[in-house]
Amino acid sequence: MTTHRVIVQIGIRVSTDIPHPNAAALIDAPYGELTVRPVPAPVPAEGQLVVRVRAVAINPLDAIVQSNGRLMYRWLPYPAVLGEDVAGEVVAVGAGVSDFVVGDRVCAYAMGIEKGHDAVSEGGFQHIVAVPASMSARIPHGAAFEEAAVLPLALSTAAAALFETAQLALDLPAPGSAAPRDEIVVVWGGATSVGSNAIQLARAAGYRVVTTASPVRHDAMRALGAEAVFDYRDPDVVRAVVDAVRGSTVAGIVAIAVGSAEPCVTIAAATGARRIALTSPSVSFYDQPRRAGLSLRRLRLITRLVASNVALQARCAVHGIRARFVWGSSIASSAVGPAIWRDYLPAALESGLHRLAPRPRVIGTDLEAVQHGLDLMRRGVSAEKLVIALAGE
């Protein structure tokens, strides 16, 4: 039987059984393949936890960063550790943290690729990671780490889309059951990771939800709280959504996945909605070679990206609609972060009010599987999250 002894030193509580040495899947240069090798185990700074990672999830963002070099994350130094979604056990607690103790089972948003963060010690694709306590939450004892790992980035992006003042600016979920409202939130792409969380967060705040998904996912969307679900492939889906919300106020629209912005603008114009939160561009960043330098495919992608955004914003201006892109990490520095991660999520998970969705698809048991997961992501993943269940030591 393993014993656990805790040392308290200079405000930091550290378990003496922290795994050592640490290892991470690093990207050494823009566009590069990930390679697994030893890295130092992090020590928590003020306000941080150190987590022994038991499961990591792969996001489209990770594949986009690898595919685009410095096109988006110009500040990112190399080598870097990608990965935002982690679940595991707390092995160290930094100064100023009172809500967590060593041994807590948590999920957390690893923020290593964001500005002002350590691109190695705070990246998720490793065995031991430093994460912000403010972007961490205990998970129920009955929840598997693989299930909890699907949550952090998708939850944060959905929360930013719904509640940030620069986005839809909806009222936050209140403790307990929110009073129902006769206002509707449209979520285009409900079966996605962001969509599954957006439906639940909007319902927790008292809003009615109308969403889109493939027919096989309709029952699952209703189980999450959507009152109406429509097939996004149906040629008449826009008209069907407009008819479904007729007579009610549309508080805002969340447009998820490539190609969602254009139909959402049409819905907004027809229903009087004034705000759209965009979580994806109108073109796929995967549609380019994964190497440096100009190419015909990259030039075409950039041209389509600029042209589609100009056309989109022009349509929005005509109808008095504001459409802005969402940055999921923005809630870490706003009132939305603690309202969701501290005040809402732990109790909502424990009570079953918030479900861990979508389902995880485990693709490996070691960090070597991360690059395989990124390659799978570029081929297309639907209504599930790719997860690596890291084997215990």
Protein backbone atom coordinates (compact mmCIF):
# COMPACT_ATOMS: atom_id res chain seq x y z
CA MET A 1 0.00 0.00 0.00
CA THR A 2 1.37 3.38 -1.00
CA THR A 3 1.58 5.97 1.75
CA HIS A 4 1.24 9.69 1.13
CA ARG A 5 3.14 12.26 3.15
CA VAL A 6 2.62 15.99 2.63
CA ILE A 7 5.25 18.64 3.21
CA VAL A 8 4.20 22.24 3.89
CA GLN A 9 6.93 24.68 2.90
CA ILE A 10 6.71 28.38 2.02
CA GLY A 11 2.97 28.16 1.47
CA ILE A 12 3.22 25.20 -0.91
CA ARG A 13 1.73 21.82 -0.09
CA VAL A 14 3.52 19.07 -2.00
CA SER A 15 2.96 15.34 -2.00
CA THR A 16 6.21 13.39 -1.72
CA ASP A 17 4.97 10.82 -4.25
CA ILE A 18 5.06 13.26 -7.20
CA PRO A 19 6.00 11.13 -10.21
CA HIS A 20 9.55 11.70 -11.38
CA PRO A 21 10.95 12.15 -13.93
CA ASN A 22 8.33 13.96 -15.97
CA ALA A 23 7.87 13.57 -19.72
CA ALA A 24 5.98 15.59 -22.33
CA ALA A 25 5.01 15.51 -25.99
CA LEU A 26 6.83 18.58 -27.32
CA ILE A 27 6.60 20.45 -30.59
CA ASP A 28 10.11 21.80 -31.27
CA ALA A 29 9.38 24.14 -34.18
CA PRO A 30 6.39 25.45 -36.14
CA TYR A 31 4.69 22.66 -38.14
CA GLY A 32 6.84 20.01 -36.43
CA GLU A 33 5.88 16.52 -35.31
CA LEU A 34 5.44 15.98 -31.59
CA THR A 35 8.20 14.06 -29.83
CA VAL A 36 8.10 12.61 -26.33
CA ARG A 37 11.05 13.21 -24.02
CA PRO A 38 11.84 14.09 -20.38
CA VAL A 39 11.06 17.58 -19.05
CA PRO A 40 11.37 18.96 -15.51
CA ALA A 41 8.43 18.40 -13.19
CA PRO A 42 6.81 21.79 -12.48
CA VAL A 43 6.62 23.46 -9.08
CA PRO A 44 3.38 25.42 -8.49
CA ALA A 45 3.54 29.20 -8.62
CA GLU A 46 1.12 31.27 -6.59
CA GLY A 47 -2.44 30.43 -7.55
CA GLN A 48 -1.48 27.20 -9.30
CA LEU A 49 -2.00 23.48 -8.84
CA VAL A 50 0.33 20.75 -10.03
CA VAL A 51 -1.65 17.82 -11.39
CA ARG A 52 -0.59 14.25 -12.09
CA VAL A 53 -2.35 13.81 -15.44
CA ARG A 54 -4.43 10.68 -15.86
CA ALA A 55 -6.19 11.67 -19.09
CA VAL A 56 -5.70 14.32 -21.77
CA ALA A 57 -8.07 15.29 -24.57
CA ILE A 58 -7.17 16.59 -28.02
CA ASN A 59 -8.83 19.72 -29.38
CA PRO A 60 -9.08 21.13 -32.89
CA LEU A 61 -7.02 24.03 -31.51
CA ASP A 62 -4.01 21.73 -31.01
CA ALA A 63 -4.12 20.53 -34.60
CA ILE A 64 -4.62 24.10 -35.83
CA VAL A 65 -1.54 25.35 -33.95
CA GLN A 66 0.53 22.53 -35.45
CA SER A 67 -0.88 23.11 -38.95
CA ASN A 68 -0.48 26.90 -38.96
CA GLY A 69 2.92 27.56 -37.45
CA ARG A 70 3.00 31.19 -36.31
CA LEU A 71 0.00 32.25 -38.38
CA MET A 72 -2.15 32.46 -35.24
CA TYR A 73 -0.07 31.99 -32.07
CA ARG A 74 2.75 34.36 -33.00
CA TRP A 75 3.86 34.69 -29.37
CA LEU A 76 4.33 30.96 -28.81
CA PRO A 77 7.98 30.03 -28.13
CA TYR A 78 9.43 26.70 -29.15
CA PRO A 79 9.80 24.05 -27.89
CA ALA A 80 6.26 24.07 -26.51
CA VAL A 81 3.78 21.62 -25.03
CA LEU A 82 0.32 21.85 -26.57
CA GLY A 83 -2.84 20.54 -24.93
CA GLU A 84 -5.53 22.30 -22.92
CA ASP A 85 -7.71 19.52 -21.46
CA VAL A 86 -6.40 17.53 -18.51
CA ALA A 87 -7.87 15.44 -15.72
CA GLY A 88 -5.96 13.87 -12.86
CA GLU A 89 -4.92 14.16 -9.23
CA VAL A 90 -3.56 17.21 -7.44
CA VAL A 91 -0.01 16.55 -6.22
CA ALA A 92 0.96 20.10 -5.20
CA VAL A 93 -0.85 23.28 -4.24
CA GLY A 94 0.66 26.74 -4.66
CA ALA A 95 0.52 29.69 -2.30
CA GLY A 96 -2.79 31.50 -2.10
CA VAL A 97 -4.86 28.45 -3.03
CA SER A 98 -7.37 27.36 -0.40
CA ASP A 99 -10.02 25.51 -2.41
CA PHE A 100 -7.93 22.42 -3.26
CA VAL A 101 -5.82 19.88 -1.37
CA VAL A 102 -3.34 17.23 -2.44
CA GLY A 103 -5.24 14.17 -3.63
CA ASP A 104 -8.23 16.00 -5.12
CA ARG A 105 -9.50 14.56 -8.41
CA VAL A 106 -9.83 17.46 -10.85
CA CYS A 107 -10.22 18.53 -14.43
CA ALA A 108 -8.37 21.67 -15.46
CA TYR A 109 -7.64 24.04 -18.33
CA ALA A 110 -3.91 23.88 -19.12
CA MET A 111 -2.99 27.30 -20.49
CA GLY A 112 0.59 26.89 -21.67
CA ILE A 113 0.03 28.19 -25.19
CA GLU A 114 -1.64 31.41 -24.00
CA LYS A 115 0.21 34.72 -23.62
CA GLY A 116 2.04 35.13 -20.34
CA HIS A 117 2.18 31.42 -19.54
CA ASP A 118 5.03 28.90 -19.52
CA ALA A 119 4.81 27.03 -22.82
CA VAL A 120 6.35 23.88 -21.36
CA SER A 121 5.37 23.47 -17.70
CA GLU A 122 1.78 24.65 -18.30
CA GLY A 123 1.01 22.63 -21.46
CA GLY A 124 -1.35 19.69 -21.12
CA PHE A 125 0.38 16.95 -23.10
CA GLN A 126 2.59 15.71 -20.26
CA HIS A 127 2.45 13.56 -17.14
CA ILE A 128 2.76 16.39 -14.60
CA VAL A 129 1.40 19.87 -15.37
CA ALA A 130 0.95 23.22 -13.64
CA VAL A 131 -2.57 24.65 -14.05
CA PRO A 132 -4.44 27.69 -12.69
CA ALA A 133 -6.49 26.77 -9.64
CA SER A 134 -9.07 29.28 -10.90
CA MET A 135 -9.58 27.15 -14.04
CA SER A 136 -9.80 23.82 -12.22
CA ALA A 137 -12.70 21.95 -10.63
CA ARG A 138 -13.16 18.80 -8.59
CA ILE A 139 -14.87 15.98 -10.43
CA PRO A 140 -17.32 13.48 -8.90
CA HIS A 141 -15.80 10.28 -7.55
CA GLY A 142 -17.89 8.25 -9.97
CA ALA A 143 -16.57 10.10 -13.02
CA ALA A 144 -13.70 8.55 -14.96
CA PHE A 145 -10.73 10.78 -15.77
CA GLU A 146 -11.29 10.02 -19.45
CA GLU A 147 -14.82 11.44 -19.21
CA ALA A 148 -13.73 14.56 -17.30
CA ALA A 149 -10.93 15.36 -19.75
CA VAL A 150 -13.45 16.30 -22.45
CA LEU A 151 -14.57 19.35 -20.51
CA PRO A 152 -12.11 22.26 -19.91
CA LEU A 153 -11.58 24.07 -23.23
CA ALA A 154 -15.06 23.31 -24.57
CA LEU A 155 -16.72 24.48 -21.35
CA SER A 156 -14.62 27.66 -21.25
CA THR A 157 -15.28 28.46 -24.91
CA ALA A 158 -19.01 27.93 -24.47
CA ALA A 159 -18.99 30.12 -21.35
CA ALA A 160 -17.07 32.86 -23.16
CA ALA A 161 -19.52 32.75 -26.08
CA LEU A 162 -22.59 32.96 -23.87
CA PHE A 163 -21.58 35.21 -20.97
CA GLU A 164 -18.65 37.48 -21.88
CA THR A 165 -19.79 41.08 -22.33
CA ALA A 166 -18.05 41.21 -25.71
CA GLN A 167 -20.08 38.19 -26.86
CA LEU A 168 -23.74 37.37 -26.13
CA ALA A 169 -23.55 38.89 -22.63
CA LEU A 170 -26.24 36.60 -21.21
CA ASP A 171 -27.01 36.39 -17.51
CA LEU A 172 -24.81 33.87 -15.68
CA PRO A 173 -26.17 30.67 -14.13
CA ALA A 174 -27.45 31.34 -10.63
CA PRO A 175 -26.86 29.00 -7.68
CA GLY A 176 -29.61 26.39 -7.69
CA SER A 177 -32.24 26.37 -10.44
CA ALA A 178 -32.44 29.48 -12.59
CA ALA A 179 -35.84 31.02 -13.22
CA PRO A 180 -37.04 30.08 -16.73
CA ARG A 181 -37.04 32.83 -19.35
CA ASP A 182 -38.99 33.19 -22.53
CA GLU A 183 -35.76 33.93 -24.39
CA ILE A 184 -34.07 31.54 -26.78
CA VAL A 185 -30.42 30.83 -27.48
CA VAL A 186 -29.70 29.19 -30.83
CA VAL A 187 -26.69 26.84 -30.78
CA TRP A 188 -25.62 25.81 -34.30
CA GLY A 189 -23.63 22.60 -33.81
CA GLY A 190 -25.02 21.19 -30.58
CA ALA A 191 -23.28 17.81 -30.82
CA THR A 192 -19.82 19.39 -30.84
CA SER A 193 -17.80 19.68 -27.65
CA VAL A 194 -18.53 23.41 -27.40
CA GLY A 195 -22.16 22.92 -28.39
CA SER A 196 -22.82 20.24 -25.77
CA ASN A 197 -21.59 22.60 -23.07
CA ALA A 198 -23.29 25.67 -24.52
CA ILE A 199 -26.68 23.94 -24.40
CA GLN A 200 -26.20 23.02 -20.75
CA LEU A 201 -24.85 26.39 -19.65
CA ALA A 202 -27.64 28.29 -21.40
CA ARG A 203 -30.25 26.04 -19.80
CA ALA A 204 -28.60 26.44 -16.39
CA ALA A 205 -28.97 30.21 -16.83
CA GLY A 206 -32.68 29.78 -17.56
CA TYR A 207 -32.68 30.23 -21.34
CA ARG A 208 -34.51 28.03 -23.81
CA VAL A 209 -32.27 26.38 -26.40
CA VAL A 210 -32.78 25.47 -30.05
CA THR A 211 -29.93 23.62 -31.72
CA THR A 212 -28.78 21.71 -34.79
CA ALA A 213 -27.23 18.26 -35.06
CA SER A 214 -27.36 15.18 -37.24
CA PRO A 215 -30.57 13.15 -36.70
CA VAL A 216 -28.80 10.38 -34.81
CA ARG A 217 -27.84 12.96 -32.14
CA HIS A 218 -31.26 14.56 -31.67
CA ASP A 219 -32.24 12.56 -28.59
CA ALA A 220 -28.88 13.30 -26.96
CA MET A 221 -29.36 17.02 -27.58
CA ARG A 222 -32.79 16.94 -25.94
CA ALA A 223 -31.31 15.08 -22.99
CA LEU A 224 -28.83 17.95 -22.55
CA GLY A 225 -31.70 20.44 -22.45
CA ALA A 226 -32.48 21.54 -26.02
CA GLU A 227 -36.22 21.96 -26.62
CA ALA A 228 -35.93 21.63 -30.40
CA VAL A 229 -33.28 20.07 -32.62
CA PHE A 230 -32.93 20.32 -36.39
CA ASP A 231 -30.78 18.51 -38.95
CA TYR A 232 -28.08 20.94 -40.06
CA ARG A 233 -27.85 19.12 -43.42
CA ASP A 234 -31.52 19.74 -44.22
CA PRO A 235 -31.77 22.29 -47.06
CA ASP A 236 -34.63 23.95 -45.16
CA VAL A 237 -32.92 23.99 -41.76
CA VAL A 238 -32.64 27.78 -41.55
CA ARG A 239 -36.34 28.23 -42.22
CA ALA A 240 -37.15 25.48 -39.69
CA VAL A 241 -35.11 27.19 -36.97
CA VAL A 242 -36.69 30.57 -37.73
CA ASP A 243 -40.18 29.04 -37.57
CA ALA A 244 -39.37 27.31 -34.27
CA VAL A 245 -38.35 30.54 -32.53
CA ARG A 246 -41.03 32.75 -34.05
CA GLY A 247 -42.77 34.85 -31.41
CA SER A 248 -39.93 34.59 -28.88
CA THR A 249 -36.92 36.80 -28.28
CA VAL A 250 -33.66 35.32 -29.55
CA ALA A 251 -31.11 36.39 -26.95
CA GLY A 252 -28.17 35.35 -29.16
CA ILE A 253 -26.70 32.73 -31.44
CA VAL A 254 -23.60 30.57 -31.00
CA ALA A 255 -22.11 29.51 -34.36
CA ILE A 256 -19.92 26.43 -34.02
CA ALA A 257 -17.88 24.63 -36.70
CA VAL A 258 -16.67 25.65 -40.14
CA GLY A 259 -19.49 26.99 -42.30
CA SER A 260 -21.83 27.83 -39.41
CA ALA A 261 -21.49 31.61 -39.53
CA GLU A 262 -23.40 32.22 -42.76
CA PRO A 263 -26.64 30.38 -41.84
CA CYS A 264 -26.49 31.92 -38.37
CA VAL A 265 -26.44 35.43 -39.84
CA THR A 266 -29.51 34.54 -41.88
CA ILE A 267 -31.27 33.28 -38.73
CA ALA A 268 -30.29 36.42 -36.83
CA ALA A 269 -31.56 38.69 -39.58
CA ALA A 270 -34.90 36.84 -39.70
CA THR A 271 -35.44 36.71 -35.94
CA GLY A 272 -34.13 40.08 -34.80
CA ALA A 273 -31.16 38.62 -32.92
CA ARG A 274 -28.41 41.17 -32.54
CA ARG A 275 -25.40 39.13 -31.41
CA ILE A 276 -23.60 36.08 -32.80
CA ALA A 277 -20.66 34.40 -31.08
CA LEU A 278 -18.38 32.78 -33.67
CA THR A 279 -16.25 29.87 -32.48
CA SER A 280 -14.90 28.85 -35.90
CA PRO A 281 -13.77 30.63 -39.08
CA SER A 282 -15.58 30.14 -42.38
CA VAL A 283 -12.74 28.03 -43.79
CA SER A 284 -10.78 25.07 -42.46
CA PHE A 285 -7.23 25.80 -41.35
CA TYR A 286 -6.39 22.17 -42.10
CA ASP A 287 -6.74 22.86 -45.82
CA GLN A 288 -3.10 23.79 -46.31
CA PRO A 289 0.31 22.09 -46.30
CA ARG A 290 1.87 21.62 -42.86
CA ARG A 291 5.11 23.40 -43.67
CA ALA A 292 6.54 26.88 -43.71
CA GLY A 293 6.45 29.23 -46.68
CA LEU A 294 3.87 30.33 -49.20
CA SER A 295 2.03 27.85 -51.36
CA LEU A 296 -0.93 28.05 -53.70
CA ARG A 297 -3.14 26.20 -51.19
CA ARG A 298 -2.14 28.55 -48.36
CA LEU A 299 -2.71 31.65 -50.50
CA ARG A 300 -6.13 30.34 -51.49
CA LEU A 301 -7.00 29.64 -47.84
CA ILE A 302 -5.97 33.11 -46.70
CA THR A 303 -7.84 34.70 -49.60
CA ARG A 304 -11.01 32.74 -48.80
CA LEU A 305 -10.64 33.54 -45.11
CA VAL A 306 -10.36 37.28 -45.67
CA ALA A 307 -13.06 37.40 -48.33
CA SER A 308 -15.55 35.36 -46.31
CA ASN A 309 -15.01 37.46 -43.19
CA VAL A 310 -15.41 40.74 -45.10
CA ALA A 311 -18.62 39.45 -46.70
CA LEU A 312 -19.91 38.18 -43.36
CA GLN A 313 -19.29 41.45 -41.55
CA ALA A 314 -20.88 43.39 -44.41
CA ARG A 315 -24.05 41.31 -44.09
CA CYS A 316 -24.02 41.81 -40.33
CA ALA A 317 -23.67 45.58 -40.72
CA VAL A 318 -26.70 45.73 -43.02
CA HIS A 319 -28.88 44.00 -40.40
CA GLY A 320 -27.40 45.62 -37.28
CA ILE A 321 -25.84 42.35 -36.08
CA ARG A 322 -22.61 42.08 -34.12
CA ALA A 323 -20.62 38.91 -34.85
CA ARG A 324 -17.35 38.35 -33.01
CA PHE A 325 -14.92 35.47 -32.68
CA VAL A 326 -14.65 33.76 -29.30
CA TRP A 327 -11.38 33.21 -27.41
CA GLY A 328 -12.02 30.50 -24.83
CA SER A 329 -9.23 31.53 -22.45
CA SER A 330 -10.72 35.03 -22.09
CA ILE A 331 -12.78 33.91 -19.09
CA ALA A 332 -9.57 33.31 -17.10
CA SER A 333 -9.23 37.07 -16.62
CA SER A 334 -12.89 38.04 -16.32
CA ALA A 335 -15.74 37.53 -13.87
CA VAL A 336 -17.04 34.69 -16.03
CA GLY A 337 -14.15 32.38 -15.05
CA PRO A 338 -14.88 32.11 -11.31
CA ALA A 339 -18.64 32.21 -11.93
CA ILE A 340 -18.39 29.07 -14.05
CA TRP A 341 -15.36 27.15 -12.72
CA ARG A 342 -15.83 27.90 -9.00
CA ASP A 343 -19.47 28.81 -8.40
CA TYR A 344 -21.25 26.65 -10.98
CA LEU A 345 -19.27 23.66 -12.19
CA PRO A 346 -18.32 21.58 -9.10
CA ALA A 347 -21.85 21.50 -7.70
CA ALA A 348 -23.39 21.06 -11.16
CA LEU A 349 -21.18 18.05 -11.88
CA GLU A 350 -21.86 16.51 -8.48
CA SER A 351 -25.62 16.90 -8.81
CA GLY A 352 -25.75 15.79 -12.43
CA LEU A 353 -27.04 19.17 -13.60
CA HIS A 354 -24.03 19.40 -15.93
CA ARG A 355 -23.08 16.26 -17.85
CA LEU A 356 -19.64 15.39 -19.13
CA ALA A 357 -20.19 15.56 -22.87
CA PRO A 358 -19.47 14.60 -25.56
CA ARG A 359 -18.36 11.03 -25.00
CA PRO A 360 -14.61 10.28 -24.95
CA ARG A 361 -12.99 8.05 -27.54
CA VAL A 362 -9.82 6.63 -26.01
CA ILE A 363 -7.12 6.30 -28.67
CA GLY A 364 -4.09 5.34 -26.59
CA THR A 365 -2.48 4.99 -23.18
CA ASP A 366 0.76 6.98 -23.58
CA LEU A 367 1.96 10.32 -24.87
CA GLU A 368 3.14 8.76 -28.12
CA ALA A 369 -0.55 8.63 -29.09
CA VAL A 370 -0.90 12.43 -29.08
CA GLN A 371 0.51 12.94 -32.59
CA HIS A 372 -1.77 10.17 -33.88
CA GLY A 373 -4.67 12.02 -32.28
CA LEU A 374 -3.75 15.28 -34.01
CA ASP A 375 -3.67 13.46 -37.34
CA LEU A 376 -7.08 11.93 -36.65
CA MET A 377 -8.44 15.36 -35.73
CA ARG A 378 -7.42 16.76 -39.12
CA ARG A 379 -9.37 13.97 -40.84
CA GLY A 380 -12.54 14.87 -38.96
CA VAL A 381 -14.05 14.00 -35.59
CA SER A 382 -17.76 14.22 -34.87
CA ALA A 383 -19.78 14.12 -31.62
CA GLU A 384 -16.90 12.71 -29.58
CA LYS A 385 -13.61 13.82 -28.05
CA LEU A 386 -10.29 12.07 -28.69
CA VAL A 387 -8.75 11.17 -25.34
CA ILE A 388 -5.53 9.51 -24.18
CA ALA A 389 -5.80 7.63 -20.88
CA LEU A 390 -2.29 7.86 -19.49
CA ALA A 391 -1.23 4.67 -17.77
CA GLY A 392 -0.34 4.95 -14.08
CA GLU A 393 3.24 4.53 -12.95
